[in-house]
């Protein structure tokens, strides 16, 4: 029963991640064609949102139901903390190890984040 309660949210989260992956792929191909020097920065920028957000979506939808309210809240809080830490770690690695250009990296991060917002608005269940 509890898996039925969270299944709609899980499906919506999966669709959102798929949209992010598609937009990332299109963005990477376009940047590769236009400016090859920025490709690494764009790939890392896309990954810096998709990986932590995918982990958060998995972590958040582990529990469902009225009897597991405390677990849902706890997993949300833990998931958002881990998402933030993963994002910071990916940015630290990008700037220290890969010496990436900041504008393409942050631009790709922003575009993927906005694509997720638009995707959630467009694919949300209508009542």
N, C-alpha and C. Protein backbone atom coordinates (compact mmCIF):
# COMPACT_ATOMS: atom_id res chain seq x y z
N UNK A 1 0.81 -1.19 0.00
CA UNK A 1 0.00 0.00 0.00
C UNK A 1 0.86 1.26 0.00
N UNK A 2 1.93 1.27 0.81
CA UNK A 2 2.74 2.47 0.89
C UNK A 2 3.46 2.75 -0.42
N UNK A 3 3.81 1.72 -1.16
CA UNK A 3 4.47 1.96 -2.45
C UNK A 3 3.50 2.57 -3.44
N UNK A 4 2.17 2.28 -3.30
CA UNK A 4 1.18 2.89 -4.17
C UNK A 4 1.07 4.39 -3.92
N UNK A 5 1.25 4.81 -2.67
CA UNK A 5 1.13 6.22 -2.33
C UNK A 5 2.27 7.04 -2.93
N UNK A 6 3.45 6.48 -3.00
CA UNK A 6 4.60 7.22 -3.50
C UNK A 6 4.86 6.97 -4.98
N UNK A 7 4.14 6.07 -5.61
CA UNK A 7 4.44 5.72 -7.00
C UNK A 7 4.23 6.89 -7.95
N UNK A 8 3.21 7.70 -7.71
CA UNK A 8 2.97 8.85 -8.58
C UNK A 8 4.14 9.85 -8.47
N UNK A 9 4.62 10.08 -7.28
CA UNK A 9 5.77 10.97 -7.10
C UNK A 9 7.03 10.39 -7.71
N UNK A 10 7.22 9.08 -7.56
CA UNK A 10 8.39 8.43 -8.17
C UNK A 10 8.36 8.55 -9.69
N UNK A 11 7.20 8.34 -10.28
CA UNK A 11 7.08 8.43 -11.73
C UNK A 11 7.35 9.86 -12.21
N UNK A 12 6.85 10.84 -11.48
CA UNK A 12 7.10 12.23 -11.83
C UNK A 12 8.58 12.57 -11.71
N UNK A 13 9.23 12.07 -10.66
CA UNK A 13 10.67 12.32 -10.49
C UNK A 13 11.47 11.66 -11.61
N UNK A 14 11.10 10.45 -12.00
CA UNK A 14 11.80 9.78 -13.11
C UNK A 14 11.66 10.56 -14.40
N UNK A 15 10.46 11.03 -14.68
CA UNK A 15 10.25 11.82 -15.90
C UNK A 15 11.08 13.10 -15.86
N UNK A 16 11.17 13.72 -14.70
CA UNK A 16 11.97 14.92 -14.57
C UNK A 16 13.45 14.66 -14.83
N UNK A 17 13.96 13.55 -14.32
CA UNK A 17 15.36 13.19 -14.55
C UNK A 17 15.59 12.88 -16.03
N UNK A 18 14.64 12.22 -16.68
CA UNK A 18 14.78 11.94 -18.11
C UNK A 18 14.82 13.23 -18.93
N UNK A 19 13.98 14.20 -18.57
CA UNK A 19 14.00 15.49 -19.26
C UNK A 19 15.34 16.18 -19.06
N UNK A 20 15.86 16.13 -17.85
CA UNK A 20 17.16 16.73 -17.57
C UNK A 20 18.26 16.07 -18.39
N UNK A 21 18.22 14.76 -18.50
CA UNK A 21 19.22 14.05 -19.30
C UNK A 21 19.13 14.44 -20.77
N UNK A 22 17.93 14.54 -21.28
CA UNK A 22 17.73 14.92 -22.68
C UNK A 22 18.22 16.34 -22.94
N UNK A 23 17.85 17.28 -22.08
CA UNK A 23 18.29 18.66 -22.24
C UNK A 23 19.81 18.74 -22.12
N UNK A 24 20.40 17.96 -21.20
CA UNK A 24 21.85 17.94 -21.05
C UNK A 24 22.53 17.44 -22.31
N UNK A 25 22.01 16.38 -22.86
CA UNK A 25 22.60 15.83 -24.09
C UNK A 25 22.54 16.84 -25.23
N UNK A 26 21.40 17.49 -25.39
CA UNK A 26 21.26 18.50 -26.44
C UNK A 26 22.22 19.66 -26.19
N UNK A 27 22.31 20.12 -24.95
CA UNK A 27 23.20 21.23 -24.62
C UNK A 27 24.66 20.87 -24.86
N UNK A 28 25.06 19.67 -24.50
CA UNK A 28 26.44 19.23 -24.70
C UNK A 28 26.78 19.15 -26.18
N UNK A 29 25.88 18.61 -26.99
CA UNK A 29 26.12 18.51 -28.43
C UNK A 29 26.22 19.90 -29.06
N UNK A 30 25.33 20.80 -28.67
CA UNK A 30 25.35 22.16 -29.22
C UNK A 30 26.65 22.87 -28.85
N UNK A 31 27.06 22.77 -27.59
CA UNK A 31 28.30 23.42 -27.16
C UNK A 31 29.51 22.77 -27.83
N UNK A 32 29.47 21.46 -28.02
CA UNK A 32 30.58 20.78 -28.70
C UNK A 32 30.72 21.29 -30.13
N UNK A 33 29.61 21.55 -30.79
CA UNK A 33 29.65 22.05 -32.17
C UNK A 33 30.10 23.51 -32.21
N UNK A 34 29.60 24.32 -31.28
CA UNK A 34 29.87 25.76 -31.30
C UNK A 34 31.25 26.10 -30.72
N UNK A 35 31.55 25.60 -29.53
CA UNK A 35 32.78 25.97 -28.82
C UNK A 35 33.32 24.75 -28.07
N UNK A 36 34.22 24.02 -28.69
CA UNK A 36 34.73 22.77 -28.12
C UNK A 36 35.47 22.98 -26.80
N UNK A 37 36.04 24.16 -26.59
CA UNK A 37 36.79 24.41 -25.37
C UNK A 37 35.90 24.38 -24.12
N UNK A 38 34.63 24.64 -24.28
CA UNK A 38 33.72 24.70 -23.13
C UNK A 38 32.98 23.39 -22.87
N UNK A 39 33.24 22.37 -23.66
CA UNK A 39 32.50 21.11 -23.54
C UNK A 39 32.68 20.48 -22.16
N UNK A 40 33.90 20.42 -21.66
CA UNK A 40 34.13 19.82 -20.34
C UNK A 40 33.39 20.58 -19.25
N UNK A 41 33.42 21.89 -19.31
CA UNK A 41 32.72 22.70 -18.32
C UNK A 41 31.21 22.45 -18.36
N UNK A 42 30.67 22.33 -19.57
CA UNK A 42 29.22 22.10 -19.71
C UNK A 42 28.85 20.71 -19.21
N UNK A 43 29.66 19.71 -19.52
CA UNK A 43 29.38 18.35 -19.04
C UNK A 43 29.39 18.32 -17.51
N UNK A 44 30.39 18.94 -16.91
CA UNK A 44 30.46 18.96 -15.44
C UNK A 44 29.31 19.78 -14.86
N UNK A 45 28.94 20.87 -15.52
CA UNK A 45 27.81 21.67 -15.05
C UNK A 45 26.51 20.89 -15.08
N UNK A 46 26.31 20.11 -16.13
CA UNK A 46 25.11 19.27 -16.21
C UNK A 46 25.11 18.19 -15.14
N UNK A 47 26.25 17.54 -14.99
CA UNK A 47 26.36 16.48 -13.98
C UNK A 47 26.23 17.02 -12.57
N UNK A 48 26.66 18.26 -12.34
CA UNK A 48 26.60 18.82 -11.00
C UNK A 48 25.17 19.08 -10.54
N UNK A 49 24.23 19.08 -11.45
CA UNK A 49 22.82 19.16 -11.03
C UNK A 49 22.15 17.80 -11.10
N UNK A 50 22.40 17.04 -12.14
CA UNK A 50 21.67 15.78 -12.35
C UNK A 50 22.01 14.74 -11.29
N UNK A 51 23.29 14.56 -10.99
CA UNK A 51 23.69 13.52 -10.03
C UNK A 51 23.12 13.80 -8.63
N UNK A 52 23.33 15.00 -8.05
CA UNK A 52 22.75 15.24 -6.73
C UNK A 52 21.23 15.22 -6.72
N UNK A 53 20.61 15.74 -7.78
CA UNK A 53 19.15 15.76 -7.82
C UNK A 53 18.57 14.34 -7.97
N UNK A 54 19.22 13.52 -8.76
CA UNK A 54 18.77 12.13 -8.89
C UNK A 54 18.89 11.39 -7.57
N UNK A 55 19.99 11.63 -6.86
CA UNK A 55 20.15 11.02 -5.54
C UNK A 55 19.07 11.50 -4.59
N UNK A 56 18.78 12.80 -4.61
CA UNK A 56 17.75 13.36 -3.75
C UNK A 56 16.38 12.74 -4.05
N UNK A 57 16.05 12.62 -5.33
CA UNK A 57 14.76 12.05 -5.70
C UNK A 57 14.64 10.61 -5.21
N UNK A 58 15.72 9.84 -5.36
CA UNK A 58 15.70 8.47 -4.85
C UNK A 58 15.53 8.46 -3.34
N UNK A 59 16.29 9.29 -2.66
CA UNK A 59 16.29 9.31 -1.20
C UNK A 59 14.94 9.76 -0.65
N UNK A 60 14.32 10.74 -1.31
CA UNK A 60 13.07 11.32 -0.81
C UNK A 60 11.89 10.35 -0.97
N UNK A 61 11.83 9.61 -2.05
CA UNK A 61 10.67 8.76 -2.30
C UNK A 61 10.85 7.33 -1.79
N UNK A 62 11.73 7.12 -0.84
CA UNK A 62 11.89 5.79 -0.27
C UNK A 62 10.70 5.38 0.58
N UNK A 63 10.10 6.32 1.28
CA UNK A 63 9.02 6.02 2.21
C UNK A 63 7.76 6.76 1.80
N UNK A 64 6.61 6.21 2.18
CA UNK A 64 5.33 6.86 1.93
C UNK A 64 4.31 6.35 2.94
N UNK A 65 3.29 7.12 3.15
CA UNK A 65 2.20 6.70 4.03
C UNK A 65 2.14 7.50 5.30
N UNK A 66 0.96 7.51 5.90
CA UNK A 66 0.74 8.28 7.12
C UNK A 66 1.52 7.71 8.30
N UNK A 67 1.74 6.43 8.31
CA UNK A 67 2.47 5.83 9.43
C UNK A 67 3.96 6.11 9.36
N UNK A 68 4.45 6.54 8.21
CA UNK A 68 5.88 6.79 8.04
C UNK A 68 6.18 8.28 7.84
N UNK A 69 5.34 9.12 8.41
CA UNK A 69 5.51 10.56 8.24
C UNK A 69 6.87 11.02 8.74
N UNK A 70 7.29 10.54 9.89
CA UNK A 70 8.59 10.94 10.43
C UNK A 70 9.73 10.49 9.53
N UNK A 71 9.61 9.29 8.96
CA UNK A 71 10.66 8.82 8.05
C UNK A 71 10.70 9.64 6.76
N UNK A 72 9.55 10.05 6.28
CA UNK A 72 9.50 10.88 5.06
C UNK A 72 10.19 12.22 5.32
N UNK A 73 9.87 12.85 6.43
CA UNK A 73 10.48 14.14 6.77
C UNK A 73 11.98 13.98 6.98
N UNK A 74 12.36 12.92 7.68
CA UNK A 74 13.78 12.68 7.94
C UNK A 74 14.54 12.41 6.63
N UNK A 75 13.97 11.61 5.74
CA UNK A 75 14.66 11.32 4.49
C UNK A 75 14.72 12.56 3.60
N UNK A 76 13.70 13.43 3.67
CA UNK A 76 13.76 14.69 2.93
C UNK A 76 14.91 15.55 3.44
N UNK A 77 15.01 15.70 4.74
CA UNK A 77 16.08 16.52 5.33
C UNK A 77 17.46 15.94 5.02
N UNK A 78 17.62 14.64 5.15
CA UNK A 78 18.90 14.01 4.84
C UNK A 78 19.22 14.15 3.35
N UNK A 79 18.22 13.95 2.51
CA UNK A 79 18.43 14.03 1.06
C UNK A 79 18.85 15.41 0.61
N UNK A 80 18.25 16.44 1.18
CA UNK A 80 18.60 17.80 0.77
C UNK A 80 20.01 18.15 1.23
N UNK A 81 20.41 17.65 2.40
CA UNK A 81 21.77 17.90 2.89
C UNK A 81 22.80 17.20 2.01
N UNK A 82 22.53 15.96 1.66
CA UNK A 82 23.45 15.21 0.80
C UNK A 82 23.50 15.83 -0.59
N UNK A 83 22.36 16.29 -1.09
CA UNK A 83 22.32 16.96 -2.41
C UNK A 83 23.21 18.19 -2.40
N UNK A 84 23.11 18.99 -1.36
CA UNK A 84 23.94 20.19 -1.26
C UNK A 84 25.42 19.83 -1.19
N UNK A 85 25.76 18.84 -0.39
CA UNK A 85 27.17 18.44 -0.25
C UNK A 85 27.72 17.87 -1.56
N UNK A 86 26.94 17.06 -2.26
CA UNK A 86 27.39 16.53 -3.55
C UNK A 86 27.61 17.65 -4.57
N UNK A 87 26.72 18.62 -4.58
CA UNK A 87 26.87 19.74 -5.50
C UNK A 87 28.14 20.52 -5.20
N UNK A 88 28.37 20.80 -3.94
CA UNK A 88 29.58 21.53 -3.54
C UNK A 88 30.83 20.74 -3.91
N UNK A 89 30.81 19.44 -3.66
CA UNK A 89 31.98 18.61 -3.98
C UNK A 89 32.25 18.58 -5.49
N UNK A 90 31.21 18.47 -6.29
CA UNK A 90 31.39 18.46 -7.74
C UNK A 90 31.94 19.80 -8.22
N UNK A 91 31.43 20.90 -7.68
CA UNK A 91 31.98 22.21 -8.04
C UNK A 91 33.43 22.35 -7.61
N UNK A 92 33.77 21.88 -6.41
CA UNK A 92 35.16 21.96 -5.95
C UNK A 92 36.08 21.17 -6.86
N UNK A 93 35.67 19.98 -7.24
CA UNK A 93 36.48 19.16 -8.14
C UNK A 93 36.60 19.82 -9.51
N UNK A 94 35.50 20.38 -9.99
CA UNK A 94 35.52 21.02 -11.31
C UNK A 94 36.50 22.18 -11.36
N UNK A 95 36.48 23.00 -10.34
CA UNK A 95 37.34 24.18 -10.36
C UNK A 95 38.78 23.89 -9.96
N UNK A 96 38.99 22.88 -9.13
CA UNK A 96 40.36 22.61 -8.68
C UNK A 96 41.10 21.62 -9.59
N UNK A 97 40.44 20.58 -10.05
CA UNK A 97 41.10 19.54 -10.82
C UNK A 97 41.01 19.75 -12.32
N UNK A 98 39.90 20.25 -12.81
CA UNK A 98 39.70 20.38 -14.25
C UNK A 98 39.95 21.79 -14.77
N UNK A 99 40.06 22.77 -13.87
CA UNK A 99 40.31 24.15 -14.26
C UNK A 99 39.32 24.60 -15.34
N UNK A 100 38.05 24.39 -15.07
CA UNK A 100 37.00 24.68 -16.04
C UNK A 100 36.66 26.16 -16.06
N UNK A 101 36.04 26.58 -17.14
CA UNK A 101 35.56 27.95 -17.27
C UNK A 101 34.30 28.09 -16.42
N UNK A 102 34.24 29.08 -15.54
CA UNK A 102 33.10 29.19 -14.63
C UNK A 102 31.78 29.53 -15.31
N UNK A 103 31.79 30.39 -16.30
CA UNK A 103 30.54 30.81 -16.92
C UNK A 103 29.81 29.66 -17.64
N UNK A 104 30.48 28.86 -18.47
CA UNK A 104 29.77 27.72 -19.08
C UNK A 104 29.31 26.69 -18.06
N UNK A 105 30.11 26.47 -17.02
CA UNK A 105 29.73 25.49 -15.99
C UNK A 105 28.47 25.94 -15.26
N UNK A 106 28.48 27.17 -14.78
CA UNK A 106 27.32 27.68 -14.05
C UNK A 106 26.13 27.91 -14.98
N UNK A 107 26.40 28.25 -16.24
CA UNK A 107 25.31 28.38 -17.20
C UNK A 107 24.62 27.06 -17.48
N UNK A 108 25.41 26.00 -17.65
CA UNK A 108 24.83 24.67 -17.86
C UNK A 108 24.05 24.22 -16.63
N UNK A 109 24.61 24.47 -15.45
CA UNK A 109 23.93 24.13 -14.20
C UNK A 109 22.57 24.84 -14.14
N UNK A 110 22.56 26.12 -14.47
CA UNK A 110 21.32 26.90 -14.43
C UNK A 110 20.30 26.42 -15.45
N UNK A 111 20.77 26.12 -16.65
CA UNK A 111 19.85 25.65 -17.70
C UNK A 111 19.21 24.32 -17.31
N UNK A 112 20.00 23.42 -16.76
CA UNK A 112 19.44 22.12 -16.35
C UNK A 112 18.48 22.30 -15.19
N UNK A 113 18.79 23.19 -14.27
CA UNK A 113 17.89 23.45 -13.14
C UNK A 113 16.56 24.02 -13.65
N UNK A 114 16.63 24.96 -14.58
CA UNK A 114 15.40 25.55 -15.12
C UNK A 114 14.62 24.55 -15.96
N UNK A 115 15.33 23.65 -16.65
CA UNK A 115 14.62 22.63 -17.43
C UNK A 115 13.84 21.71 -16.51
N UNK A 116 14.36 21.47 -15.33
CA UNK A 116 13.64 20.64 -14.36
C UNK A 116 12.38 21.34 -13.89
N UNK A 117 12.45 22.65 -13.66
CA UNK A 117 11.27 23.40 -13.25
C UNK A 117 10.20 23.37 -14.34
N UNK A 118 10.62 23.61 -15.57
CA UNK A 118 9.67 23.61 -16.69
C UNK A 118 9.08 22.21 -16.88
N UNK A 119 9.91 21.18 -16.74
CA UNK A 119 9.43 19.81 -16.90
C UNK A 119 8.39 19.47 -15.84
N UNK A 120 8.63 19.87 -14.60
CA UNK A 120 7.67 19.58 -13.53
C UNK A 120 6.35 20.31 -13.77
N UNK A 121 6.42 21.50 -14.33
CA UNK A 121 5.20 22.25 -14.63
C UNK A 121 4.43 21.59 -15.77
N UNK A 122 5.15 21.14 -16.79
CA UNK A 122 4.49 20.58 -17.99
C UNK A 122 3.99 19.16 -17.80
N UNK A 123 4.69 18.35 -17.01
CA UNK A 123 4.29 16.94 -16.88
C UNK A 123 3.58 16.63 -15.59
N UNK A 124 3.23 17.64 -14.83
CA UNK A 124 2.54 17.38 -13.56
C UNK A 124 1.16 16.78 -13.84
N UNK A 125 0.67 15.98 -12.92
CA UNK A 125 -0.66 15.40 -13.11
C UNK A 125 -1.74 16.48 -13.03
N UNK A 126 -2.62 16.47 -13.96
CA UNK A 126 -3.71 17.45 -13.99
C UNK A 126 -4.93 16.83 -13.32
N UNK A 127 -5.59 17.63 -12.48
CA UNK A 127 -6.78 17.09 -11.80
C UNK A 127 -8.04 17.71 -12.34
